Amino acid sequence: MTTPPEPPASPAEPAPSRPGRKLGPIAETVGSAHRVWLEPIRATYLSSGLTLSELSHRIRFAKSKLSELLRGVGLYPRWEIVLSLSTELKMPGWPLYQLWRQAALEAHKSREWVDGCSEKPTLTLTPTAPPLDHRAFRELAEADYRRYAQVFLDDDQRDTAVSDTFDILWLRWNDALSSPDIRRFAWQVLRSTVMSKTPHLDGRPELARAAFDTVALHDQTTVTGHINQLTESLELFTAMSRLPDHQLDVMVLRKLCGFTPEQASALLGIPLPAVESDERYAGIFLESVLCPPSETEGNTS
């Protein structure tokens, strides 16, 4: 793995205050693909200092409808209004269009509807290239991001999740550059995107597919060996899914992706001692679950 360069830290500026009613949260009914592009737009709006009234006046769209769009309420928005909003907020249009289109199809909009929303010359976008430093970061991190996503998702979902991650980063590149560590910022985007597509059980990600890809499982030569190893793997990954998020990521990178502690530290954007501590405490937890002390241990009679 090529270690992404460590950028200089920059102090984060506080978001400007604005008069009027506070924008409500994203509706719980908003799907994961819709949320992928809605969250960056909301974040950009909230950091812009504009009020809904000012934004409504500039893009000539009713304030109430604009509020609904930014909360994901009502019908899925047409590309025309999303483009107008992104232009006013100075967001790159091409990655936003890619995410908007994908979410529209997942919201069961027909291809005719999707294409009809963007067929006018004024709404048609030409593919553009992201900033040079974004492209450089992608070249360094993409292969490793794919290895992480592969643990949770099938091939198609993995590719979509990683592609979405870099589109979101493109939309929020200024935020990434001004964050304390671009690697940590990018990792949170990747993790959120992967987890939004990962099946969950009782609020924790399912790792059952990883049980079928373990080296130990492939090394077994008998049916009995396969079954026994699969059972052990399922128990292990069920226990792993109960780890805190930061410990789970470290264990996935270390034990399932094969990264060294130094590589995991660089990828996550956290200090090496933090990686080593997370791995140590995760190991203690897993051992306590998988190898509990005997009920009679320590008893004397």
C-alpha atoms as a PDB file:
ATOM      1  CA  MET A   1       0.000   0.000   0.000  1.00  0.00           C
ATOM      2  CA  THR A   2       1.254   3.470  -0.822  1.00  0.00           C
ATOM      3  CA  THR A   3       0.817   5.691   2.190  1.00  0.00           C
ATOM      4  CA  PRO A   4      -1.318   8.769   1.467  1.00  0.00           C
ATOM      5  CA  PRO A   5       0.617  11.945   2.257  1.00  0.00           C
ATOM      6  CA  GLU A   6      -0.121  13.592   5.573  1.00  0.00           C
ATOM      7  CA  PRO A   7      -1.477  17.112   4.943  1.00  0.00           C
ATOM      8  CA  PRO A   8      -0.824  20.052   7.232  1.00  0.00           C
ATOM      9  CA  ALA A   9      -3.461  20.613   9.866  1.00  0.00           C
ATOM     10  CA  SER A  10      -5.771  23.575   9.396  1.00  0.00           C
ATOM     11  CA  PRO A  11      -8.030  25.020  12.064  1.00  0.00           C
ATOM     12  CA  ALA A  12     -11.702  24.528  11.299  1.00  0.00           C
ATOM     13  CA  GLU A  13     -13.718  27.720  11.070  1.00  0.00           C
ATOM     14  CA  PRO A  14     -17.011  27.868  12.977  1.00  0.00           C
ATOM     15  CA  ALA A  15     -20.141  27.760  10.845  1.00  0.00           C
ATOM     16  CA  PRO A  16     -21.723  31.212  10.470  1.00  0.00           C
ATOM     17  CA  SER A  17     -24.952  31.799  12.320  1.00  0.00           C
ATOM     18  CA  ARG A  18     -28.103  32.669  10.432  1.00  0.00           C
ATOM     19  CA  PRO A  19     -31.465  34.168  11.366  1.00  0.00           C
ATOM     20  CA  GLY A  20     -34.759  32.375  10.983  1.00  0.00           C
ATOM     21  CA  ARG A  21     -35.978  28.879  11.743  1.00  0.00           C
ATOM     22  CA  LYS A  22     -33.335  26.159  11.876  1.00  0.00           C
ATOM     23  CA  LEU A  23     -33.386  23.647   9.021  1.00  0.00           C
ATOM     24  CA  GLY A  24     -34.919  20.378  10.157  1.00  0.00           C
ATOM     25  CA  PRO A  25     -33.116  17.034   9.970  1.00  0.00           C
ATOM     26  CA  ILE A  26     -33.153  14.700   6.985  1.00  0.00           C
ATOM     27  CA  ALA A  27     -36.323  12.598   7.003  1.00  0.00           C
ATOM     28  CA  GLU A  28     -35.917   9.037   8.233  1.00  0.00           C
ATOM     29  CA  THR A  29     -37.596   7.779   5.058  1.00  0.00           C
ATOM     30  CA  VAL A  30     -34.774   9.065   2.830  1.00  0.00           C
ATOM     31  CA  GLY A  31     -32.961   6.159   1.182  1.00  0.00           C
ATOM     32  CA  SER A  32     -29.223   5.632   1.477  1.00  0.00           C
ATOM     33  CA  ALA A  33     -28.475   6.568  -2.160  1.00  0.00           C
ATOM     34  CA  HIS A  34     -30.519   9.781  -1.861  1.00  0.00           C
ATOM     35  CA  ARG A  35     -28.774  10.620   1.413  1.00  0.00           C
ATOM     36  CA  VAL A  36     -25.359  10.235  -0.267  1.00  0.00           C
ATOM     37  CA  TRP A  37     -25.792  13.425  -2.295  1.00  0.00           C
ATOM     38  CA  LEU A  38     -28.223  15.218   0.017  1.00  0.00           C
ATOM     39  CA  GLU A  39     -25.857  15.320   2.994  1.00  0.00           C
ATOM     40  CA  PRO A  40     -23.033  17.155   1.123  1.00  0.00           C
ATOM     41  CA  ILE A  41     -25.517  19.711  -0.223  1.00  0.00           C
ATOM     42  CA  ARG A  42     -26.901  20.306   3.272  1.00  0.00           C
ATOM     43  CA  ALA A  43     -23.391  20.592   4.715  1.00  0.00           C
ATOM     44  CA  THR A  44     -22.410  23.118   2.049  1.00  0.00           C
ATOM     45  CA  TYR A  45     -25.586  25.134   2.603  1.00  0.00           C
ATOM     46  CA  LEU A  46     -25.141  25.150   6.384  1.00  0.00           C
ATOM     47  CA  SER A  47     -21.564  26.410   6.048  1.00  0.00           C
ATOM     48  CA  SER A  48     -22.462  29.038   3.431  1.00  0.00           C
ATOM     49  CA  GLY A  49     -24.063  31.529   5.822  1.00  0.00           C
ATOM     50  CA  LEU A  50     -27.079  31.911   3.534  1.00  0.00           C
ATOM     51  CA  THR A  51     -30.615  31.755   4.873  1.00  0.00           C
ATOM     52  CA  LEU A  52     -33.339  29.736   3.203  1.00  0.00           C
ATOM     53  CA  SER A  53     -35.024  33.002   2.214  1.00  0.00           C
ATOM     54  CA  GLU A  54     -31.867  34.290   0.520  1.00  0.00           C
ATOM     55  CA  LEU A  55     -31.249  31.013  -1.245  1.00  0.00           C
ATOM     56  CA  SER A  56     -34.888  30.787  -2.312  1.00  0.00           C
ATOM     57  CA  HIS A  57     -34.703  34.263  -3.836  1.00  0.00           C
ATOM     58  CA  ARG A  58     -31.480  33.534  -5.710  1.00  0.00           C
ATOM     59  CA  ILE A  59     -32.589  30.287  -7.343  1.00  0.00           C
ATOM     60  CA  ARG A  60     -36.243  31.380  -7.698  1.00  0.00           C
ATOM     61  CA  PHE A  61     -37.655  28.384  -5.854  1.00  0.00           C
ATOM     62  CA  ALA A  62     -40.257  28.521  -3.086  1.00  0.00           C
ATOM     63  CA  LYS A  63     -38.734  28.566   0.401  1.00  0.00           C
ATOM     64  CA  SER A  64     -41.052  25.804   1.614  1.00  0.00           C
ATOM     65  CA  LYS A  65     -40.113  23.581  -1.327  1.00  0.00           C
ATOM     66  CA  LEU A  66     -36.433  24.316  -0.808  1.00  0.00           C
ATOM     67  CA  SER A  67     -36.744  23.282   2.834  1.00  0.00           C
ATOM     68  CA  GLU A  68     -38.440  20.056   1.756  1.00  0.00           C
ATOM     69  CA  LEU A  69     -35.666  19.336  -0.749  1.00  0.00           C
ATOM     70  CA  LEU A  70     -32.938  19.858   1.875  1.00  0.00           C
ATOM     71  CA  ARG A  71     -34.765  17.539   4.268  1.00  0.00           C
ATOM     72  CA  GLY A  72     -35.588  14.884   1.673  1.00  0.00           C
ATOM     73  CA  VAL A  73     -39.328  15.372   2.131  1.00  0.00           C
ATOM     74  CA  GLY A  74     -41.836  14.932  -0.675  1.00  0.00           C
ATOM     75  CA  LEU A  75     -41.193  13.763  -4.219  1.00  0.00           C
ATOM     76  CA  TYR A  76     -37.692  13.002  -5.437  1.00  0.00           C
ATOM     77  CA  PRO A  77     -36.389  16.338  -6.837  1.00  0.00           C
ATOM     78  CA  ARG A  78     -35.828  16.982 -10.500  1.00  0.00           C
ATOM     79  CA  TRP A  79     -32.300  17.614 -11.685  1.00  0.00           C
ATOM     80  CA  GLU A  80     -33.086  21.198 -12.720  1.00  0.00           C
ATOM     81  CA  ILE A  81     -33.599  22.406  -9.146  1.00  0.00           C
ATOM     82  CA  VAL A  82     -30.702  20.341  -7.765  1.00  0.00           C
ATOM     83  CA  LEU A  83     -28.405  21.841 -10.413  1.00  0.00           C
ATOM     84  CA  SER A  84     -29.603  25.378  -9.638  1.00  0.00           C
ATOM     85  CA  LEU A  85     -28.975  24.801  -5.948  1.00  0.00           C
ATOM     86  CA  SER A  86     -25.512  23.322  -6.473  1.00  0.00           C
ATOM     87  CA  THR A  87     -24.535  26.152  -8.843  1.00  0.00           C
ATOM     88  CA  GLU A  88     -25.509  28.768  -6.276  1.00  0.00           C
ATOM     89  CA  LEU A  89     -23.566  26.893  -3.603  1.00  0.00           C
ATOM     90  CA  LYS A  90     -20.576  26.583  -5.979  1.00  0.00           C
ATOM     91  CA  MET A  91     -20.530  22.794  -5.885  1.00  0.00           C
ATOM     92  CA  PRO A  92     -19.157  20.721  -8.797  1.00  0.00           C
ATOM     93  CA  GLY A  93     -22.030  19.539 -10.952  1.00  0.00           C
ATOM     94  CA  TRP A  94     -20.700  16.346 -12.513  1.00  0.00           C
ATOM     95  CA  PRO A  95     -20.177  14.192  -9.386  1.00  0.00           C
ATOM     96  CA  LEU A  96     -23.459  15.494  -8.008  1.00  0.00           C
ATOM     97  CA  TYR A  97     -25.274  14.472 -11.188  1.00  0.00           C
ATOM     98  CA  GLN A  98     -23.790  10.986 -11.029  1.00  0.00           C
ATOM     99  CA  LEU A  99     -25.009  10.548  -7.448  1.00  0.00           C
ATOM    100  CA  TRP A 100     -28.405  12.145  -8.166  1.00  0.00           C
ATOM    101  CA  ARG A 101     -28.958   9.857 -11.165  1.00  0.00           C
ATOM    102  CA  GLN A 102     -28.041   6.713  -9.256  1.00  0.00           C
ATOM    103  CA  ALA A 103     -30.363   7.627  -6.391  1.00  0.00           C
ATOM    104  CA  ALA A 104     -33.201   8.416  -8.800  1.00  0.00           C
ATOM    105  CA  LEU A 105     -32.972   4.942 -10.329  1.00  0.00           C
ATOM    106  CA  GLU A 106     -32.861   3.361  -6.863  1.00  0.00           C
ATOM    107  CA  ALA A 107     -35.960   5.417  -6.008  1.00  0.00           C
ATOM    108  CA  HIS A 108     -37.661   3.566  -8.900  1.00  0.00           C
ATOM    109  CA  LYS A 109     -37.701   6.528 -11.260  1.00  0.00           C
ATOM    110  CA  SER A 110     -37.706   5.369 -14.870  1.00  0.00           C
ATOM    111  CA  ARG A 111     -34.728   5.987 -17.118  1.00  0.00           C
ATOM    112  CA  GLU A 112     -37.041   8.062 -19.300  1.00  0.00           C
ATOM    113  CA  TRP A 113     -37.841  10.304 -16.315  1.00  0.00           C
ATOM    114  CA  VAL A 114     -34.168  10.582 -15.340  1.00  0.00           C
ATOM    115  CA  ASP A 115     -33.022  11.360 -18.876  1.00  0.00           C
ATOM    116  CA  GLY A 116     -35.925  13.752 -19.379  1.00  0.00           C
ATOM    117  CA  CYS A 117     -34.822  15.750 -16.343  1.00  0.00           C
ATOM    118  CA  SER A 118     -31.433  16.479 -17.877  1.00  0.00           C
ATOM    119  CA  GLU A 119     -31.950  16.444 -21.644  1.00  0.00           C
ATOM    120  CA  LYS A 120     -32.268  20.217 -22.066  1.00  0.00           C
ATOM    121  CA  PRO A 121     -29.053  21.872 -23.310  1.00  0.00           C
ATOM    122  CA  THR A 122     -28.990  24.164 -20.261  1.00  0.00           C
ATOM    123  CA  LEU A 123     -29.108  21.147 -17.958  1.00  0.00           C
ATOM    124  CA  THR A 124     -26.731  18.847 -19.811  1.00  0.00           C
ATOM    125  CA  LEU A 125     -23.373  18.373 -18.143  1.00  0.00           C
ATOM    126  CA  THR A 126     -20.096  17.387 -19.740  1.00  0.00           C
ATOM    127  CA  PRO A 127     -17.930  15.038 -17.675  1.00  0.00           C
ATOM    128  CA  THR A 128     -15.221  17.036 -15.953  1.00  0.00           C
ATOM    129  CA  ALA A 129     -12.075  16.082 -14.068  1.00  0.00           C
ATOM    130  CA  PRO A 130     -11.776  16.567 -10.306  1.00  0.00           C
ATOM    131  CA  PRO A 131      -9.013  18.730  -8.799  1.00  0.00           C
ATOM    132  CA  LEU A 132      -5.482  17.462  -9.291  1.00  0.00           C
ATOM    133  CA  ASP A 133      -4.909  16.797  -5.600  1.00  0.00           C
ATOM    134  CA  HIS A 134      -8.195  14.852  -5.433  1.00  0.00           C
ATOM    135  CA  ARG A 135      -7.042  12.680  -8.330  1.00  0.00           C
ATOM    136  CA  ALA A 136      -3.691  12.121  -6.649  1.00  0.00           C
ATOM    137  CA  PHE A 137      -5.362  11.082  -3.410  1.00  0.00           C
ATOM    138  CA  ARG A 138      -7.658   8.699  -5.282  1.00  0.00           C
ATOM    139  CA  GLU A 139      -4.719   7.021  -7.028  1.00  0.00           C
ATOM    140  CA  LEU A 140      -3.075   6.432  -3.650  1.00  0.00           C
ATOM    141  CA  ALA A 141      -6.111   5.208  -1.703  1.00  0.00           C
ATOM    142  CA  GLU A 142      -8.568   3.599  -4.123  1.00  0.00           C
ATOM    143  CA  ALA A 143      -7.136   0.070  -4.174  1.00  0.00           C
ATOM    144  CA  ASP A 144      -7.022  -0.063  -0.372  1.00  0.00           C
ATOM    145  CA  TYR A 145     -10.556   1.306  -0.096  1.00  0.00           C
ATOM    146  CA  ARG A 146     -11.725  -1.484  -2.392  1.00  0.00           C
ATOM    147  CA  ARG A 147     -10.098  -4.118  -0.165  1.00  0.00           C
ATOM    148  CA  TYR A 148     -11.921  -2.750   2.884  1.00  0.00           C
ATOM    149  CA  ALA A 149     -15.276  -2.513   1.077  1.00  0.00           C
ATOM    150  CA  GLN A 150     -14.876  -6.066  -0.257  1.00  0.00           C
ATOM    151  CA  VAL A 151     -15.161  -7.426   3.290  1.00  0.00           C
ATOM    152  CA  PHE A 152     -18.744  -6.156   3.551  1.00  0.00           C
ATOM    153  CA  LEU A 153     -20.088  -6.003  -0.015  1.00  0.00           C
ATOM    154  CA  ASP A 154     -20.229  -7.987  -3.229  1.00  0.00           C
ATOM    155  CA  ASP A 155     -18.189  -6.861  -6.227  1.00  0.00           C
ATOM    156  CA  ASP A 156     -20.802  -4.541  -7.774  1.00  0.00           C
ATOM    157  CA  GLN A 157     -21.722  -2.919  -4.470  1.00  0.00           C
ATOM    158  CA  ARG A 158     -18.055  -2.580  -3.578  1.00  0.00           C
ATOM    159  CA  ASP A 159     -17.277  -0.725  -6.798  1.00  0.00           C
ATOM    160  CA  THR A 160     -20.316   1.520  -6.379  1.00  0.00           C
ATOM    161  CA  ALA A 161     -19.457   2.331  -2.763  1.00  0.00           C
ATOM    162  CA  VAL A 162     -15.867   3.285  -3.603  1.00  0.00           C
ATOM    163  CA  SER A 163     -16.933   5.323  -6.634  1.00  0.00           C
ATOM    164  CA  ASP A 164     -19.557   7.123  -4.528  1.00  0.00           C
ATOM    165  CA  THR A 165     -16.928   7.820  -1.879  1.00  0.00           C
ATOM    166  CA  PHE A 166     -14.707   9.707  -4.288  1.00  0.00           C
ATOM    167  CA  ASP A 167     -17.670  11.577  -5.797  1.00  0.00           C
ATOM    168  CA  ILE A 168     -18.700  12.689  -2.302  1.00  0.00           C
ATOM    169  CA  LEU A 169     -15.127  13.701  -1.553  1.00  0.00           C
ATOM    170  CA  TRP A 170     -15.108  15.733  -4.764  1.00  0.00           C
ATOM    171  CA  LEU A 171     -18.265  17.514  -3.641  1.00  0.00           C
ATOM    172  CA  ARG A 172     -16.745  18.199  -0.224  1.00  0.00           C
ATOM    173  CA  TRP A 173     -13.120  18.602  -1.238  1.00  0.00           C
ATOM    174  CA  ASN A 174     -12.753  22.033   0.352  1.00  0.00           C
ATOM    175  CA  ASP A 175     -14.054  20.600   3.633  1.00  0.00           C
ATOM    176  CA  ALA A 176     -11.622  17.710   3.330  1.00  0.00           C
ATOM    177  CA  LEU A 177      -8.682  20.030   2.711  1.00  0.00           C
ATOM    178  CA  SER A 178      -9.570  22.206   5.707  1.00  0.00           C
ATOM    179  CA  SER A 179     -10.059  19.233   8.044  1.00  0.00           C
ATOM    180  CA  PRO A 180      -7.352  18.296  10.582  1.00  0.00           C
ATOM    181  CA  ASP A 181      -6.425  15.240   8.500  1.00  0.00           C
ATOM    182  CA  ILE A 182      -7.685  14.569   4.988  1.00  0.00           C
ATOM    183  CA  ARG A 183      -7.110  10.833   5.377  1.00  0.00           C
ATOM    184  CA  ARG A 184      -9.348  10.658   8.444  1.00  0.00           C
ATOM    185  CA  PHE A 185     -11.999  12.806   6.724  1.00  0.00           C
ATOM    186  CA  ALA A 186     -11.925  10.557   3.638  1.00  0.00           C
ATOM    187  CA  TRP A 187     -12.070   7.394   5.725  1.00  0.00           C
ATOM    188  CA  GLN A 188     -15.236   8.546   7.465  1.00  0.00           C
ATOM    189  CA  VAL A 189     -16.821   9.177   4.059  1.00  0.00           C
ATOM    190  CA  LEU A 190     -15.798   5.695   2.889  1.00  0.00           C
ATOM    191  CA  ARG A 191     -17.002   4.010   6.060  1.00  0.00           C
ATOM    192  CA  SER A 192     -20.362   5.801   6.001  1.00  0.00           C
ATOM    193  CA  THR A 193     -20.859   4.894   2.329  1.00  0.00           C
ATOM    194  CA  VAL A 194     -19.913   1.243   2.799  1.00  0.00           C
ATOM    195  CA  MET A 195     -22.063   0.850   5.904  1.00  0.00           C
ATOM    196  CA  SER A 196     -25.068   2.397   4.167  1.00  0.00           C
ATOM    197  CA  LYS A 197     -24.959  -0.514   1.701  1.00  0.00           C
ATOM    198  CA  THR A 198     -24.053  -3.239   4.220  1.00  0.00           C
ATOM    199  CA  PRO A 199     -26.790  -5.485   5.684  1.00  0.00           C
ATOM    200  CA  HIS A 200     -27.131  -4.942   9.427  1.00  0.00           C
ATOM    201  CA  LEU A 201     -28.430  -7.176  12.194  1.00  0.00           C
ATOM    202  CA  ASP A 202     -29.453  -5.589  15.490  1.00  0.00           C
ATOM    203  CA  GLY A 203     -27.732  -2.391  14.407  1.00  0.00           C
ATOM    204  CA  ARG A 204     -24.370  -4.022  13.673  1.00  0.00           C
ATOM    205  CA  PRO A 205     -22.881  -4.812  10.229  1.00  0.00           C
ATOM    206  CA  GLU A 206     -23.071  -8.423   9.088  1.00  0.00           C
ATOM    207  CA  LEU A 207     -19.718 -10.021   8.341  1.00  0.00           C
ATOM    208  CA  ALA A 208     -20.981 -13.458   7.322  1.00  0.00           C
ATOM    209  CA  ARG A 209     -19.661 -13.074   3.746  1.00  0.00           C
ATOM    210  CA  ALA A 210     -16.166 -12.561   5.148  1.00  0.00           C
ATOM    211  CA  ALA A 211     -16.365 -15.997   6.750  1.00  0.00           C
ATOM    212  CA  PHE A 212     -16.430 -17.569   3.303  1.00  0.00           C
ATOM    213  CA  ASP A 213     -13.282 -15.752   2.189  1.00  0.00           C
ATOM    214  CA  THR A 214     -10.891 -16.598   4.987  1.00  0.00           C
ATOM    215  CA  VAL A 215      -7.565 -18.150   4.066  1.00  0.00           C
ATOM    216  CA  ALA A 216      -8.060 -20.840   6.687  1.00  0.00           C
ATOM    217  CA  LEU A 217     -11.339 -21.913   5.106  1.00  0.00           C
ATOM    218  CA  HIS A 218      -9.761 -22.299   1.666  1.00  0.00           C
ATOM    219  CA  ASP A 219      -6.932 -24.335   3.177  1.00  0.00           C
ATOM    220  CA  GLN A 220      -9.281 -27.048   4.391  1.00  0.00           C
ATOM    221  CA  THR A 221      -9.312 -30.175   2.200  1.00  0.00           C
ATOM    222  CA  THR A 222     -12.279 -32.100   3.617  1.00  0.00           C
ATOM    223  CA  VAL A 223     -15.987 -31.373   3.877  1.00  0.00           C
ATOM    224  CA  THR A 224     -15.799 -31.747   7.640  1.00  0.00           C
ATOM    225  CA  GLY A 225     -12.863 -29.351   7.740  1.00  0.00           C
ATOM    226  CA  HIS A 226     -14.807 -26.797   5.693  1.00  0.00           C
ATOM    227  CA  ILE A 227     -17.847 -27.035   7.956  1.00  0.00           C
ATOM    228  CA  ASN A 228     -15.841 -26.790  11.164  1.00  0.00           C
ATOM    229  CA  GLN A 229     -13.778 -23.859   9.901  1.00  0.00           C
ATOM    230  CA  LEU A 230     -16.884 -22.103   8.579  1.00  0.00           C
ATOM    231  CA  THR A 231     -18.583 -22.470  11.954  1.00  0.00           C
ATOM    232  CA  GLU A 232     -15.540 -21.026  13.716  1.00  0.00           C
ATOM    233  CA  SER A 233     -15.319 -18.187  11.196  1.00  0.00           C
ATOM    234  CA  LEU A 234     -18.996 -17.304  11.581  1.00  0.00           C
ATOM    235  CA  GLU A 235     -18.582 -17.183  15.352  1.00  0.00           C
ATOM    236  CA  LEU A 236     -15.518 -14.975  15.015  1.00  0.00           C
ATOM    237  CA  PHE A 237     -17.101 -12.506  12.609  1.00  0.00           C
ATOM    238  CA  THR A 238     -20.319 -12.351  14.608  1.00  0.00           C
ATOM    239  CA  ALA A 239     -18.212 -11.383  17.624  1.00  0.00           C
ATOM    240  CA  MET A 240     -16.200  -8.894  15.531  1.00  0.00           C
ATOM    241  CA  SER A 241     -19.380  -7.126  14.430  1.00  0.00           C
ATOM    242  CA  ARG A 242     -19.994  -6.236  18.087  1.00  0.00           C
ATOM    243  CA  LEU A 243     -16.757  -4.258  18.351  1.00  0.00           C
ATOM    244  CA  PRO A 244     -16.859  -0.442  18.500  1.00  0.00           C
ATOM    245  CA  ASP A 245     -16.550   1.074  15.039  1.00  0.00           C
ATOM    246  CA  HIS A 246     -12.911   2.147  15.357  1.00  0.00           C
ATOM    247  CA  GLN A 247     -11.835  -1.252  16.694  1.00  0.00           C
ATOM    248  CA  LEU A 248     -13.793  -3.072  13.988  1.00  0.00           C
ATOM    249  CA  ASP A 249     -12.071  -1.051  11.267  1.00  0.00           C
ATOM    250  CA  VAL A 250      -8.640  -1.786  12.706  1.00  0.00           C
ATOM    251  CA  MET A 251      -9.372  -5.510  12.934  1.00  0.00           C
ATOM    252  CA  VAL A 252     -10.758  -5.631   9.395  1.00  0.00           C
ATOM    253  CA  LEU A 253      -7.686  -3.863   8.020  1.00  0.00           C
ATOM    254  CA  ARG A 254      -5.237  -5.909  10.074  1.00  0.00           C
ATOM    255  CA  LYS A 255      -6.770  -9.398  10.060  1.00  0.00           C
ATOM    256  CA  LEU A 256      -8.887  -9.515   6.896  1.00  0.00           C
ATOM    257  CA  CYS A 257      -7.043  -7.128   4.573  1.00  0.00           C
ATOM    258  CA  GLY A 258      -3.548  -7.971   5.797  1.00  0.00           C
ATOM    259  CA  PHE A 259      -2.290  -4.416   6.354  1.00  0.00           C
ATOM    260  CA  THR A 260       0.542  -3.721   8.757  1.00  0.00           C
ATOM    261  CA  PRO A 261      -0.160  -1.458  11.760  1.00  0.00           C
ATOM    262  CA  GLU A 262       1.738   1.330   9.994  1.00  0.00           C
ATOM    263  CA  GLN A 263      -0.353   0.923   6.841  1.00  0.00           C
ATOM    264  CA  ALA A 264      -3.586   0.882   8.832  1.00  0.00           C
ATOM    265  CA  SER A 265      -2.485   4.029  10.661  1.00  0.00           C
ATOM    266  CA  ALA A 266      -1.814   5.834   7.377  1.00  0.00           C
ATOM    267  CA  LEU A 267      -5.082   4.715   5.813  1.00  0.00           C
ATOM    268  CA  LEU A 268      -7.238   5.628   8.823  1.00  0.00           C
ATOM    269  CA  GLY A 269      -5.396   8.878   9.484  1.00  0.00           C
ATOM    270  CA  ILE A 270      -4.870   8.056  13.171  1.00  0.00           C
ATOM    271  CA  PRO A 271      -1.655   7.655  15.211  1.00  0.00           C
ATOM    272  CA  LEU A 272       0.074   4.282  15.235  1.00  0.00           C
ATOM    273  CA  PRO A 273      -0.340   3.888  19.043  1.00  0.00           C
ATOM    274  CA  ALA A 274      -4.111   4.271  18.582  1.00  0.00           C
ATOM    275  CA  VAL A 275      -4.120   1.429  16.030  1.00  0.00           C
ATOM    276  CA  GLU A 276      -2.091  -0.792  18.331  1.00  0.00           C
ATOM    277  CA  SER A 277      -4.348   0.022  21.293  1.00  0.00           C
ATOM    278  CA  ASP A 278      -7.526  -0.683  19.301  1.00  0.00           C
ATOM    279  CA  GLU A 279      -6.127  -4.000  18.111  1.00  0.00           C
ATOM    280  CA  ARG A 280      -5.100  -5.001  21.626  1.00  0.00           C
ATOM    281  CA  TYR A 281      -8.453  -4.197  23.220  1.00  0.00           C
ATOM    282  CA  ALA A 282     -10.353  -5.807  20.332  1.00  0.00           C
ATOM    283  CA  GLY A 283      -8.304  -8.980  20.815  1.00  0.00           C
ATOM    284  CA  ILE A 284      -9.105  -9.040  24.532  1.00  0.00           C
ATOM    285  CA  PHE A 285     -12.827  -8.690  23.795  1.00  0.00           C
ATOM    286  CA  LEU A 286     -12.854 -11.378  21.119  1.00  0.00           C
ATOM    287  CA  GLU A 287     -10.981 -13.793  23.336  1.00  0.00           C
ATOM    288  CA  SER A 288     -13.450 -13.203  26.160  1.00  0.00           C
ATOM    289  CA  VAL A 289     -16.360 -13.982  23.826  1.00  0.00           C
ATOM    290  CA  LEU A 290     -14.893 -16.930  21.939  1.00  0.00           C
ATOM    291  CA  CYS A 291     -12.874 -18.476  24.771  1.00  0.00           C
ATOM    292  CA  PRO A 292     -14.752 -17.640  27.989  1.00  0.00           C
ATOM    293  CA  PRO A 293     -13.178 -18.910  31.219  1.00  0.00           C
ATOM    294  CA  SER A 294     -14.534 -22.221  32.487  1.00  0.00           C
ATOM    295  CA  GLU A 295     -17.411 -21.901  34.922  1.00  0.00           C
ATOM    296  CA  THR A 296     -15.471 -24.039  37.363  1.00  0.00           C
ATOM    297  CA  GLU A 297     -12.193 -22.201  36.864  1.00  0.00           C
ATOM    298  CA  GLY A 298     -10.934 -20.853  40.120  1.00  0.00           C
ATOM    299  CA  ASN A 299     -13.436 -22.824  42.227  1.00  0.00           C
ATOM    300  CA  THR A 300     -12.063 -24.809  45.125  1.00  0.00           C
ATOM    301  CA  SER A 301     -13.786 -27.473  47.102  1.00  0.00           C
END
